[in-house]
Every structure is written in structure tokens, then in C-alpha cells.
């Protein structure tokens, strides 16, 4: 399976995991939230909002258009830090898929 197809599959798994733990939202954040210049839009969005409304759509667009993908990519640590207070383990599946996505971007063939 090509790296692009693997990335697409991981994005789908991330979406499924977010839906399973009720992080997937039906309405986007306010337009001004998208104007952030901070990494992960940390000053205007929750981690799950950034993932759903910024990263996932951008990755789909890059893949669909055959454009170059990022070569240095590590988002799992941000999410692990964002949800570190959780003691229920509800985010573990999401973390697993985010780590797998990170690994795909660390490969030489991206």
C-alpha cells in the first residue's frame, strides 16, 4: 500500500476514534478561530477542533491534489499533553492512530 493510501486510512481511523469518544463536532468553530497563527491554533481552538477542522481537511486536500506532504510531523505528543489529565483511558485509541500517522510522516518515502 502506498504511503498516501496509508495516510488516508489513518485519517479515517482518527475520525472514527474521535466519533467513538464524542470529540467529532457537527459545527465548525467561529471563523476567527481559523485566523490563528499559533501552532495547532492553540490560542483559539481545542486540540480536537484543530484536528477535525484544520489538519484532517488539509491532509485530504494535499492527498487529493497530489501535493507534497509534510516531512517533519509529530502531532501525537500535543494530543497526549492535551489529554494528560484523563485517567479513564478513553483517548488511548486516538493516541494510537495519531502515533501511527506520525510514523508515516517520518518515513523517507513521504
PDB file of N, CA and C in Angstrom:
ATOM      1  N   UNK A   1       0.848  -1.172   0.000  1.00  0.00           N
ATOM      2  CA  UNK A   1       0.000   0.000   0.000  1.00  0.00           C
ATOM      3  C   UNK A   1       0.898   1.242   0.000  1.00  0.00           C
ATOM      4  N   UNK A   2       0.579   2.197  -0.847  1.00  0.00           N
ATOM      5  CA  UNK A   2       1.385   3.419  -0.924  1.00  0.00           C
ATOM      6  C   UNK A   2       1.275   4.215   0.377  1.00  0.00           C
ATOM      7  N   UNK A   3       2.247   5.061   0.606  1.00  0.00           N
ATOM      8  CA  UNK A   3       2.228   5.898   1.807  1.00  0.00           C
ATOM      9  C   UNK A   3       0.994   6.791   1.812  1.00  0.00           C
ATOM     10  N   UNK A   4       0.636   7.338   0.659  1.00  0.00           N
ATOM     11  CA  UNK A   4      -0.547   8.203   0.578  1.00  0.00           C
ATOM     12  C   UNK A   4      -1.800   7.446   1.007  1.00  0.00           C
ATOM     13  N   UNK A   5      -1.937   6.206   0.556  1.00  0.00           N
ATOM     14  CA  UNK A   5      -3.109   5.408   0.938  1.00  0.00           C
ATOM     15  C   UNK A   5      -3.076   5.070   2.423  1.00  0.00           C
ATOM     16  N   UNK A   6      -1.899   4.814   2.952  1.00  0.00           N
ATOM     17  CA  UNK A   6      -1.773   4.545   4.385  1.00  0.00           C
ATOM     18  C   UNK A   6      -2.175   5.774   5.201  1.00  0.00           C
ATOM     19  N   UNK A   7      -1.755   6.944   4.747  1.00  0.00           N
ATOM     20  CA  UNK A   7      -2.110   8.184   5.440  1.00  0.00           C
ATOM     21  C   UNK A   7      -3.618   8.389   5.391  1.00  0.00           C
ATOM     22  N   UNK A   8      -4.207   8.183   4.235  1.00  0.00           N
ATOM     23  CA  UNK A   8      -5.657   8.305   4.096  1.00  0.00           C
ATOM     24  C   UNK A   8      -6.376   7.376   5.066  1.00  0.00           C
ATOM     25  N   UNK A   9      -5.917   6.150   5.141  1.00  0.00           N
ATOM     26  CA  UNK A   9      -6.514   5.162   6.037  1.00  0.00           C
ATOM     27  C   UNK A   9      -6.380   5.610   7.492  1.00  0.00           C
ATOM     28  N   UNK A  10      -5.218   6.101   7.872  1.00  0.00           N
ATOM     29  CA  UNK A  10      -5.012   6.567   9.257  1.00  0.00           C
ATOM     30  C   UNK A  10      -5.922   7.747   9.575  1.00  0.00           C
ATOM     31  N   UNK A  11      -6.097   8.655   8.624  1.00  0.00           N
ATOM     32  CA  UNK A  11      -7.007   9.784   8.842  1.00  0.00           C
ATOM     33  C   UNK A  11      -8.430   9.296   9.090  1.00  0.00           C
ATOM     34  N   UNK A  12      -8.838   8.276   8.355  1.00  0.00           N
ATOM     35  CA  UNK A  12     -10.172   7.705   8.557  1.00  0.00           C
ATOM     36  C   UNK A  12     -10.291   7.067   9.942  1.00  0.00           C
ATOM     37  N   UNK A  13      -9.241   6.375  10.374  1.00  0.00           N
ATOM     38  CA  UNK A  13      -9.251   5.765  11.707  1.00  0.00           C
ATOM     39  C   UNK A  13      -9.286   6.825  12.805  1.00  0.00           C
ATOM     40  N   UNK A  14      -8.587   7.919  12.588  1.00  0.00           N
ATOM     41  CA  UNK A  14      -8.596   9.019  13.561  1.00  0.00           C
ATOM     42  C   UNK A  14     -10.003   9.597  13.671  1.00  0.00           C
ATOM     43  N   UNK A  15     -10.642   9.809  12.539  1.00  0.00           N
ATOM     44  CA  UNK A  15     -12.017  10.322  12.567  1.00  0.00           C
ATOM     45  C   UNK A  15     -12.938   9.356  13.307  1.00  0.00           C
ATOM     46  N   UNK A  16     -12.829   8.078  13.011  1.00  0.00           N
ATOM     47  CA  UNK A  16     -13.659   7.078  13.695  1.00  0.00           C
ATOM     48  C   UNK A  16     -13.425   7.103  15.199  1.00  0.00           C
ATOM     49  N   UNK A  17     -12.166   7.178  15.601  1.00  0.00           N
ATOM     50  CA  UNK A  17     -11.843   7.214  17.035  1.00  0.00           C
ATOM     51  C   UNK A  17     -12.430   8.460  17.685  1.00  0.00           C
ATOM     52  N   UNK A  18     -12.358   9.588  16.998  1.00  0.00           N
ATOM     53  CA  UNK A  18     -12.928  10.821  17.541  1.00  0.00           C
ATOM     54  C   UNK A  18     -14.440  10.701  17.686  1.00  0.00           C
ATOM     55  N   UNK A  19     -15.083  10.086  16.725  1.00  0.00           N
ATOM     56  CA  UNK A  19     -16.539   9.899  16.803  1.00  0.00           C
ATOM     57  C   UNK A  19     -16.906   8.981  17.977  1.00  0.00           C
ATOM     58  N   UNK A  20     -16.130   7.927  18.155  1.00  0.00           N
ATOM     59  CA  UNK A  20     -16.413   6.967  19.224  1.00  0.00           C
ATOM     60  C   UNK A  20     -16.342   7.591  20.613  1.00  0.00           C
ATOM     61  N   UNK A  21     -15.487   8.595  20.785  1.00  0.00           N
ATOM     62  CA  UNK A  21     -15.363   9.218  22.108  1.00  0.00           C
ATOM     63  C   UNK A  21     -16.001  10.613  22.133  1.00  0.00           C
ATOM     64  N   UNK A  22     -16.888  10.844  21.184  1.00  0.00           N
ATOM     65  CA  UNK A  22     -17.683  12.080  21.126  1.00  0.00           C
ATOM     66  C   UNK A  22     -16.856  13.356  21.038  1.00  0.00           C
ATOM     67  N   UNK A  23     -15.757  13.309  20.310  1.00  0.00           N
ATOM     68  CA  UNK A  23     -14.971  14.516  20.066  1.00  0.00           C
ATOM     69  C   UNK A  23     -15.322  15.159  18.726  1.00  0.00           C
ATOM     70  N   UNK A  24     -15.943  14.379  17.831  1.00  0.00           N
ATOM     71  CA  UNK A  24     -16.265  14.887  16.499  1.00  0.00           C
ATOM     72  C   UNK A  24     -17.434  15.857  16.617  1.00  0.00           C
ATOM     73  N   UNK A  25     -17.271  17.037  16.059  1.00  0.00           N
ATOM     74  CA  UNK A  25     -18.278  18.087  16.185  1.00  0.00           C
ATOM     75  C   UNK A  25     -19.059  18.265  14.889  1.00  0.00           C
ATOM     76  N   UNK A  26     -20.308  18.693  15.027  1.00  0.00           N
ATOM     77  CA  UNK A  26     -21.138  18.897  13.842  1.00  0.00           C
ATOM     78  C   UNK A  26     -21.024  20.314  13.287  1.00  0.00           C
ATOM     79  N   UNK A  27     -20.493  21.247  14.084  1.00  0.00           N
ATOM     80  CA  UNK A  27     -20.355  22.631  13.631  1.00  0.00           C
ATOM     81  C   UNK A  27     -18.922  23.106  13.838  1.00  0.00           C
ATOM     82  N   UNK A  28     -18.384  23.820  12.854  1.00  0.00           N
ATOM     83  CA  UNK A  28     -17.007  24.315  12.995  1.00  0.00           C
ATOM     84  C   UNK A  28     -16.912  25.438  14.022  1.00  0.00           C
ATOM     85  N   UNK A  29     -15.705  25.703  14.497  1.00  0.00           N
ATOM     86  CA  UNK A  29     -15.504  26.855  15.382  1.00  0.00           C
ATOM     87  C   UNK A  29     -15.831  28.148  14.625  1.00  0.00           C
ATOM     88  N   UNK A  30     -15.914  29.234  15.367  1.00  0.00           N
ATOM     89  CA  UNK A  30     -16.178  30.539  14.747  1.00  0.00           C
ATOM     90  C   UNK A  30     -15.063  30.872  13.751  1.00  0.00           C
ATOM     91  N   UNK A  31     -15.391  31.627  12.701  1.00  0.00           N
ATOM     92  CA  UNK A  31     -14.392  31.947  11.662  1.00  0.00           C
ATOM     93  C   UNK A  31     -13.092  32.533  12.200  1.00  0.00           C
ATOM     94  N   UNK A  32     -13.163  33.352  13.231  1.00  0.00           N
ATOM     95  CA  UNK A  32     -11.937  33.959  13.755  1.00  0.00           C
ATOM     96  C   UNK A  32     -10.982  32.926  14.360  1.00  0.00           C
ATOM     97  N   UNK A  33     -11.501  31.774  14.728  1.00  0.00           N
ATOM     98  CA  UNK A  33     -10.633  30.718  15.263  1.00  0.00           C
ATOM     99  C   UNK A  33      -9.635  30.247  14.208  1.00  0.00           C
ATOM    100  N   UNK A  34     -10.020  30.337  12.949  1.00  0.00           N
ATOM    101  CA  UNK A  34      -9.163  29.888  11.855  1.00  0.00           C
ATOM    102  C   UNK A  34      -8.091  30.912  11.486  1.00  0.00           C
ATOM    103  N   UNK A  35      -8.132  32.064  12.117  1.00  0.00           N
ATOM    104  CA  UNK A  35      -7.157  33.117  11.831  1.00  0.00           C
ATOM    105  C   UNK A  35      -5.913  33.021  12.705  1.00  0.00           C
ATOM    106  N   UNK A  36      -5.870  32.057  13.572  1.00  0.00           N
ATOM    107  CA  UNK A  36      -4.738  31.895  14.478  1.00  0.00           C
ATOM    108  C   UNK A  36      -3.446  31.653  13.705  1.00  0.00           C
ATOM    109  N   UNK A  37      -2.358  32.187  14.235  1.00  0.00           N
ATOM    110  CA  UNK A  37      -1.042  31.930  13.648  1.00  0.00           C
ATOM    111  C   UNK A  37      -0.199  31.053  14.581  1.00  0.00           C
ATOM    112  N   UNK A  38      -0.786  30.638  15.677  1.00  0.00           N
ATOM    113  CA  UNK A  38      -0.097  29.796  16.649  1.00  0.00           C
ATOM    114  C   UNK A  38      -0.108  28.336  16.190  1.00  0.00           C
ATOM    115  N   UNK A  39       0.910  27.566  16.566  1.00  0.00           N
ATOM    116  CA  UNK A  39       0.884  26.131  16.259  1.00  0.00           C
ATOM    117  C   UNK A  39      -0.383  25.495  16.838  1.00  0.00           C
ATOM    118  N   UNK A  40      -0.987  24.636  16.067  1.00  0.00           N
ATOM    119  CA  UNK A  40      -2.205  23.929  16.463  1.00  0.00           C
ATOM    120  C   UNK A  40      -3.359  24.888  16.779  1.00  0.00           C
ATOM    121  N   UNK A  41      -3.254  26.137  16.378  1.00  0.00           N
ATOM    122  CA  UNK A  41      -4.267  27.159  16.703  1.00  0.00           C
ATOM    123  C   UNK A  41      -4.587  27.144  18.190  1.00  0.00           C
ATOM    124  N   UNK A  42      -3.563  26.896  18.975  1.00  0.00           N
ATOM    125  CA  UNK A  42      -3.713  26.662  20.412  1.00  0.00           C
ATOM    126  C   UNK A  42      -4.388  27.820  21.147  1.00  0.00           C
ATOM    127  N   UNK A  43      -4.276  29.015  20.598  1.00  0.00           N
ATOM    128  CA  UNK A  43      -4.882  30.173  21.250  1.00  0.00           C
ATOM    129  C   UNK A  43      -6.368  30.333  20.940  1.00  0.00           C
ATOM    130  N   UNK A  44      -6.878  29.563  19.972  1.00  0.00           N
ATOM    131  CA  UNK A  44      -8.272  29.766  19.565  1.00  0.00           C
ATOM    132  C   UNK A  44      -9.097  28.493  19.407  1.00  0.00           C
ATOM    133  N   UNK A  45      -8.433  27.334  19.433  1.00  0.00           N
ATOM    134  CA  UNK A  45      -9.156  26.073  19.244  1.00  0.00           C
ATOM    135  C   UNK A  45      -8.714  25.046  20.267  1.00  0.00           C
ATOM    136  N   UNK A  46      -9.637  24.158  20.582  1.00  0.00           N
ATOM    137  CA  UNK A  46      -9.283  22.980  21.368  1.00  0.00           C
ATOM    138  C   UNK A  46      -8.517  22.025  20.456  1.00  0.00           C
ATOM    139  N   UNK A  47      -7.784  21.127  21.038  1.00  0.00           N
ATOM    140  CA  UNK A  47      -6.991  20.178  20.251  1.00  0.00           C
ATOM    141  C   UNK A  47      -7.855  19.423  19.246  1.00  0.00           C
ATOM    142  N   UNK A  48      -8.999  18.933  19.697  1.00  0.00           N
ATOM    143  CA  UNK A  48      -9.855  18.157  18.800  1.00  0.00           C
ATOM    144  C   UNK A  48     -10.450  19.022  17.691  1.00  0.00           C
ATOM    145  N   UNK A  49     -10.691  20.297  17.961  1.00  0.00           N
ATOM    146  CA  UNK A  49     -11.191  21.190  16.912  1.00  0.00           C
ATOM    147  C   UNK A  49     -10.133  21.369  15.829  1.00  0.00           C
ATOM    148  N   UNK A  50      -8.905  21.606  16.247  1.00  0.00           N
ATOM    149  CA  UNK A  50      -7.823  21.784  15.284  1.00  0.00           C
ATOM    150  C   UNK A  50      -7.660  20.527  14.428  1.00  0.00           C
ATOM    151  N   UNK A  51      -7.720  19.374  15.060  1.00  0.00           N
ATOM    152  CA  UNK A  51      -7.563  18.116  14.336  1.00  0.00           C
ATOM    153  C   UNK A  51      -8.671  17.953  13.299  1.00  0.00           C
ATOM    154  N   UNK A  52      -9.916  18.163  13.729  1.00  0.00           N
ATOM    155  CA  UNK A  52     -11.058  17.965  12.839  1.00  0.00           C
ATOM    156  C   UNK A  52     -11.179  19.025  11.749  1.00  0.00           C
ATOM    157  N   UNK A  53     -10.981  20.263  12.105  1.00  0.00           N
ATOM    158  CA  UNK A  53     -11.291  21.355  11.185  1.00  0.00           C
ATOM    159  C   UNK A  53     -10.085  21.921  10.445  1.00  0.00           C
ATOM    160  N   UNK A  54      -8.874  21.587  10.882  1.00  0.00           N
ATOM    161  CA  UNK A  54      -7.678  22.112  10.220  1.00  0.00           C
ATOM    162  C   UNK A  54      -6.837  20.978   9.632  1.00  0.00           C
ATOM    163  N   UNK A  55      -6.305  20.121  10.487  1.00  0.00           N
ATOM    164  CA  UNK A  55      -5.363  19.112   9.997  1.00  0.00           C
ATOM    165  C   UNK A  55      -5.993  18.112   9.030  1.00  0.00           C
ATOM    166  N   UNK A  56      -7.075  17.486   9.436  1.00  0.00           N
ATOM    167  CA  UNK A  56      -7.663  16.439   8.588  1.00  0.00           C
ATOM    168  C   UNK A  56      -8.061  16.995   7.218  1.00  0.00           C
ATOM    169  N   UNK A  57      -8.776  18.128   7.150  1.00  0.00           N
ATOM    170  CA  UNK A  57      -9.100  18.655   5.812  1.00  0.00           C
ATOM    171  C   UNK A  57      -7.863  19.030   4.986  1.00  0.00           C
ATOM    172  N   UNK A  58      -6.841  19.578   5.632  1.00  0.00           N
ATOM    173  CA  UNK A  58      -5.616  19.930   4.891  1.00  0.00           C
ATOM    174  C   UNK A  58      -4.933  18.693   4.336  1.00  0.00           C
ATOM    175  N   UNK A  59      -4.869  17.651   5.132  1.00  0.00           N
ATOM    176  CA  UNK A  59      -4.233  16.413   4.665  1.00  0.00           C
ATOM    177  C   UNK A  59      -5.007  15.817   3.495  1.00  0.00           C
ATOM    178  N   UNK A  60      -6.342  15.792   3.604  1.00  0.00           N
ATOM    179  CA  UNK A  60      -7.152  15.290   2.494  1.00  0.00           C
ATOM    180  C   UNK A  60      -6.903  16.114   1.230  1.00  0.00           C
ATOM    181  N   UNK A  61      -6.850  17.432   1.368  1.00  0.00           N
ATOM    182  CA  UNK A  61      -6.632  18.305   0.208  1.00  0.00           C
ATOM    183  C   UNK A  61      -5.268  18.040  -0.429  1.00  0.00           C
ATOM    184  N   UNK A  62      -4.232  17.925   0.385  1.00  0.00           N
ATOM    185  CA  UNK A  62      -2.894  17.643  -0.150  1.00  0.00           C
ATOM    186  C   UNK A  62      -2.870  16.312  -0.886  1.00  0.00           C
ATOM    187  N   UNK A  63      -3.490  15.301  -0.293  1.00  0.00           N
ATOM    188  CA  UNK A  63      -3.506  13.978  -0.911  1.00  0.00           C
ATOM    189  C   UNK A  63      -4.294  13.988  -2.218  1.00  0.00           C
ATOM    190  N   UNK A  64      -5.474  14.616  -2.203  1.00  0.00           N
ATOM    191  CA  UNK A  64      -6.316  14.652  -3.400  1.00  0.00           C
ATOM    192  C   UNK A  64      -5.638  15.385  -4.551  1.00  0.00           C
ATOM    193  N   UNK A  65      -4.885  16.432  -4.229  1.00  0.00           N
ATOM    194  CA  UNK A  65      -4.237  17.232  -5.263  1.00  0.00           C
ATOM    195  C   UNK A  65      -2.840  16.721  -5.620  1.00  0.00           C
ATOM    196  N   UNK A  66      -2.393  15.686  -4.928  1.00  0.00           N
ATOM    197  CA  UNK A  66      -1.077  15.127  -5.201  1.00  0.00           C
ATOM    198  C   UNK A  66       0.061  16.067  -4.844  1.00  0.00           C
ATOM    199  N   UNK A  67      -0.171  16.951  -3.888  1.00  0.00           N
ATOM    200  CA  UNK A  67       0.853  17.913  -3.475  1.00  0.00           C
ATOM    201  C   UNK A  67       1.795  17.297  -2.452  1.00  0.00           C
ATOM    202  N   UNK A  68       2.916  17.946  -2.250  1.00  0.00           N
ATOM    203  CA  UNK A  68       3.911  17.455  -1.295  1.00  0.00           C
ATOM    204  C   UNK A  68       3.331  17.437   0.119  1.00  0.00           C
ATOM    205  N   UNK A  69       3.623  16.383   0.819  1.00  0.00           N
ATOM    206  CA  UNK A  69       3.178  16.235   2.202  1.00  0.00           C
ATOM    207  C   UNK A  69       4.270  16.711   3.148  1.00  0.00           C
ATOM    208  N   UNK A  70       3.900  17.069   4.354  1.00  0.00           N
ATOM    209  CA  UNK A  70       4.922  17.488   5.328  1.00  0.00           C
ATOM    210  C   UNK A  70       5.952  16.384   5.534  1.00  0.00           C
ATOM    211  N   UNK A  71       7.185  16.770   5.818  1.00  0.00           N
ATOM    212  CA  UNK A  71       8.221  15.767   6.058  1.00  0.00           C
ATOM    213  C   UNK A  71       8.582  15.666   7.533  1.00  0.00           C
ATOM    214  N   UNK A  72       8.335  16.697   8.280  1.00  0.00           N
ATOM    215  CA  UNK A  72       8.568  16.659   9.729  1.00  0.00           C
ATOM    216  C   UNK A  72       7.207  16.816  10.389  1.00  0.00           C
ATOM    217  N   UNK A  73       6.771  15.785  11.060  1.00  0.00           N
ATOM    218  CA  UNK A  73       5.385  15.758  11.502  1.00  0.00           C
ATOM    219  C   UNK A  73       5.300  14.988  12.805  1.00  0.00           C
ATOM    220  N   UNK A  74       4.806  15.610  13.842  1.00  0.00           N
ATOM    221  CA  UNK A  74       4.606  14.920  15.122  1.00  0.00           C
ATOM    222  C   UNK A  74       3.490  15.615  15.877  1.00  0.00           C
ATOM    223  N   UNK A  75       2.287  15.059  15.777  1.00  0.00           N
ATOM    224  CA  UNK A  75       1.151  15.664  16.473  1.00  0.00           C
ATOM    225  C   UNK A  75       0.731  14.879  17.703  1.00  0.00           C
ATOM    226  N   UNK A  76       1.085  13.611  17.769  1.00  0.00           N
ATOM    227  CA  UNK A  76       0.677  12.793  18.916  1.00  0.00           C
ATOM    228  C   UNK A  76       1.109  13.398  20.249  1.00  0.00           C
ATOM    229  N   UNK A  77       2.337  13.897  20.388  1.00  0.00           N
ATOM    230  CA  UNK A  77       2.734  14.468  21.685  1.00  0.00           C
ATOM    231  C   UNK A  77       1.833  15.621  22.140  1.00  0.00           C
ATOM    232  N   UNK A  78       1.382  16.444  21.208  1.00  0.00           N
ATOM    233  CA  UNK A  78       0.482  17.548  21.565  1.00  0.00           C
ATOM    234  C   UNK A  78      -0.824  17.012  22.136  1.00  0.00           C
ATOM    235  N   UNK A  79      -1.368  15.990  21.522  1.00  0.00           N
ATOM    236  CA  UNK A  79      -2.635  15.434  21.994  1.00  0.00           C
ATOM    237  C   UNK A  79      -2.460  14.691  23.310  1.00  0.00           C
ATOM    238  N   UNK A  80      -1.365  13.983  23.448  1.00  0.00           N
ATOM    239  CA  UNK A  80      -1.092  13.302  24.722  1.00  0.00           C
ATOM    240  C   UNK A  80      -0.969  14.317  25.852  1.00  0.00           C
ATOM    241  N   UNK A  81      -0.343  15.438  25.584  1.00  0.00           N
ATOM    242  CA  UNK A  81      -0.226  16.504  26.585  1.00  0.00           C
ATOM    243  C   UNK A  81      -1.592  17.148  26.860  1.00  0.00           C
ATOM    244  N   UNK A  82      -2.364  17.366  25.813  1.00  0.00           N
ATOM    245  CA  UNK A  82      -3.679  17.999  25.968  1.00  0.00           C
ATOM    246  C   UNK A  82      -4.620  17.180  26.842  1.00  0.00           C
ATOM    247  N   UNK A  83      -4.508  15.873  26.771  1.00  0.00           N
ATOM    248  CA  UNK A  83      -5.425  14.996  27.499  1.00  0.00           C
ATOM    249  C   UNK A  83      -4.739  14.231  28.624  1.00  0.00           C
ATOM    250  N   UNK A  84      -3.631  14.734  29.109  1.00  0.00           N
ATOM    251  CA  UNK A  84      -2.859  14.015  30.128  1.00  0.00           C
ATOM    252  C   UNK A  84      -3.605  13.857  31.450  1.00  0.00           C
ATOM    253  N   UNK A  85      -4.575  14.701  31.727  1.00  0.00           N
ATOM    254  CA  UNK A  85      -5.329  14.613  32.980  1.00  0.00           C
ATOM    255  C   UNK A  85      -6.352  13.478  32.963  1.00  0.00           C
ATOM    256  N   UNK A  86      -6.631  12.937  31.790  1.00  0.00           N
ATOM    257  CA  UNK A  86      -7.621  11.871  31.687  1.00  0.00           C
ATOM    258  C   UNK A  86      -7.094  10.583  32.312  1.00  0.00           C
ATOM    259  N   UNK A  87      -7.868  10.015  33.207  1.00  0.00           N
ATOM    260  CA  UNK A  87      -7.472   8.759  33.854  1.00  0.00           C
ATOM    261  C   UNK A  87      -8.325   7.585  33.389  1.00  0.00           C
ATOM    262  N   UNK A  88      -9.259   7.842  32.477  1.00  0.00           N
ATOM    263  CA  UNK A  88     -10.164   6.786  32.029  1.00  0.00           C
ATOM    264  C   UNK A  88      -9.595   5.949  30.894  1.00  0.00           C
ATOM    265  N   UNK A  89      -8.595   6.475  30.199  1.00  0.00           N
ATOM    266  CA  UNK A  89      -8.045   5.756  29.050  1.00  0.00           C
ATOM    267  C   UNK A  89      -8.865   5.926  27.787  1.00  0.00           C
ATOM    268  N   UNK A  90      -9.842   6.802  27.804  1.00  0.00           N
ATOM    269  CA  UNK A  90     -10.742   6.945  26.651  1.00  0.00           C
ATOM    270  C   UNK A  90     -10.037   7.452  25.398  1.00  0.00           C
ATOM    271  N   UNK A  91      -8.889   8.083  25.544  1.00  0.00           N
ATOM    272  CA  UNK A  91      -8.178   8.648  24.392  1.00  0.00           C
ATOM    273  C   UNK A  91      -7.114   7.712  23.823  1.00  0.00           C
ATOM    274  N   UNK A  92      -6.934   6.557  24.409  1.00  0.00           N
ATOM    275  CA  UNK A  92      -5.831   5.679  24.006  1.00  0.00           C
ATOM    276  C   UNK A  92      -5.896   5.255  22.543  1.00  0.00           C
ATOM    277  N   UNK A  93      -7.077   4.943  22.054  1.00  0.00           N
ATOM    278  CA  UNK A  93      -7.205   4.536  20.649  1.00  0.00           C
ATOM    279  C   UNK A  93      -6.853   5.701  19.726  1.00  0.00           C
ATOM    280  N   UNK A  94      -7.297   6.895  20.077  1.00  0.00           N
ATOM    281  CA  UNK A  94      -6.956   8.076  19.287  1.00  0.00           C
ATOM    282  C   UNK A  94      -5.447   8.292  19.287  1.00  0.00           C
ATOM    283  N   UNK A  95      -4.814   8.191  20.459  1.00  0.00           N
ATOM    284  CA  UNK A  95      -3.359   8.352  20.549  1.00  0.00           C
ATOM    285  C   UNK A  95      -2.645   7.336  19.660  1.00  0.00           C
ATOM    286  N   UNK A  96      -3.133   6.111  19.678  1.00  0.00           N
ATOM    287  CA  UNK A  96      -2.523   5.042  18.872  1.00  0.00           C
ATOM    288  C   UNK A  96      -2.529   5.424  17.388  1.00  0.00           C
ATOM    289  N   UNK A  97      -3.656   5.916  16.906  1.00  0.00           N
ATOM    290  CA  UNK A  97      -3.762   6.287  15.490  1.00  0.00           C
ATOM    291  C   UNK A  97      -2.934   7.531  15.171  1.00  0.00           C
ATOM    292  N   UNK A  98      -2.872   8.474  16.102  1.00  0.00           N
ATOM    293  CA  UNK A  98      -2.053   9.670  15.884  1.00  0.00           C
ATOM    294  C   UNK A  98      -0.567   9.309  15.827  1.00  0.00           C
ATOM    295  N   UNK A  99      -0.131   8.398  16.699  1.00  0.00           N
ATOM    296  CA  UNK A  99       1.272   7.957  16.672  1.00  0.00           C
ATOM    297  C   UNK A  99       1.590   7.257  15.352  1.00  0.00           C
ATOM    298  N   UNK A 100       0.649   6.434  14.885  1.00  0.00           N
ATOM    299  CA  UNK A 100       0.847   5.727  13.616  1.00  0.00           C
ATOM    300  C   UNK A 100       0.933   6.721  12.455  1.00  0.00           C
ATOM    301  N   UNK A 101       0.115   7.761  12.493  1.00  0.00           N
ATOM    302  CA  UNK A 101       0.185   8.797  11.465  1.00  0.00           C
ATOM    303  C   UNK A 101       1.536   9.502  11.518  1.00  0.00           C
ATOM    304  N   UNK A 102       1.979   9.845  12.706  1.00  0.00           N
ATOM    305  CA  UNK A 102       3.302  10.473  12.863  1.00  0.00           C
ATOM    306  C   UNK A 102       4.396   9.608  12.241  1.00  0.00           C
ATOM    307  N   UNK A 103       4.341   8.306  12.496  1.00  0.00           N
ATOM    308  CA  UNK A 103       5.372   7.394  11.959  1.00  0.00           C
ATOM    309  C   UNK A 103       5.385   7.407  10.427  1.00  0.00           C
ATOM    310  N   UNK A 104       4.216   7.506   9.824  1.00  0.00           N
ATOM    311  CA  UNK A 104       4.160   7.542   8.359  1.00  0.00           C
ATOM    312  C   UNK A 104       4.875   8.767   7.803  1.00  0.00           C
ATOM    313  N   UNK A 105       4.803   9.872   8.513  1.00  0.00           N
ATOM    314  CA  UNK A 105       5.456  11.091   8.044  1.00  0.00           C
ATOM    315  C   UNK A 105       6.944  11.101   8.339  1.00  0.00           C
ATOM    316  N   UNK A 106       7.394  10.182   9.149  1.00  0.00           N
ATOM    317  CA  UNK A 106       8.820  10.091   9.451  1.00  0.00           C
ATOM    318  C   UNK A 106       9.548   9.181   8.468  1.00  0.00           C
ATOM    319  N   UNK A 107       8.789   8.473   7.633  1.00  0.00           N
ATOM    320  CA  UNK A 107       9.398   7.590   6.645  1.00  0.00           C
ATOM    321  C   UNK A 107      10.045   8.420   5.547  1.00  0.00           C
ATOM    322  N   UNK A 108      11.049   7.861   4.942  1.00  0.00           N
ATOM    323  CA  UNK A 108      11.782   8.561   3.876  1.00  0.00           C
ATOM    324  C   UNK A 108      10.966   8.741   2.605  1.00  0.00           C
ATOM    325  N   UNK A 109       9.953   7.911   2.404  1.00  0.00           N
ATOM    326  CA  UNK A 109       9.252   7.927   1.116  1.00  0.00           C
ATOM    327  C   UNK A 109       8.018   8.815   1.090  1.00  0.00           C
ATOM    328  N   UNK A 110       7.855   9.697   2.044  1.00  0.00           N
ATOM    329  CA  UNK A 110       6.693  10.600   2.018  1.00  0.00           C
ATOM    330  C   UNK A 110       6.932  11.677   0.992  1.00  0.00           C
TER     331      UNK A 110
END
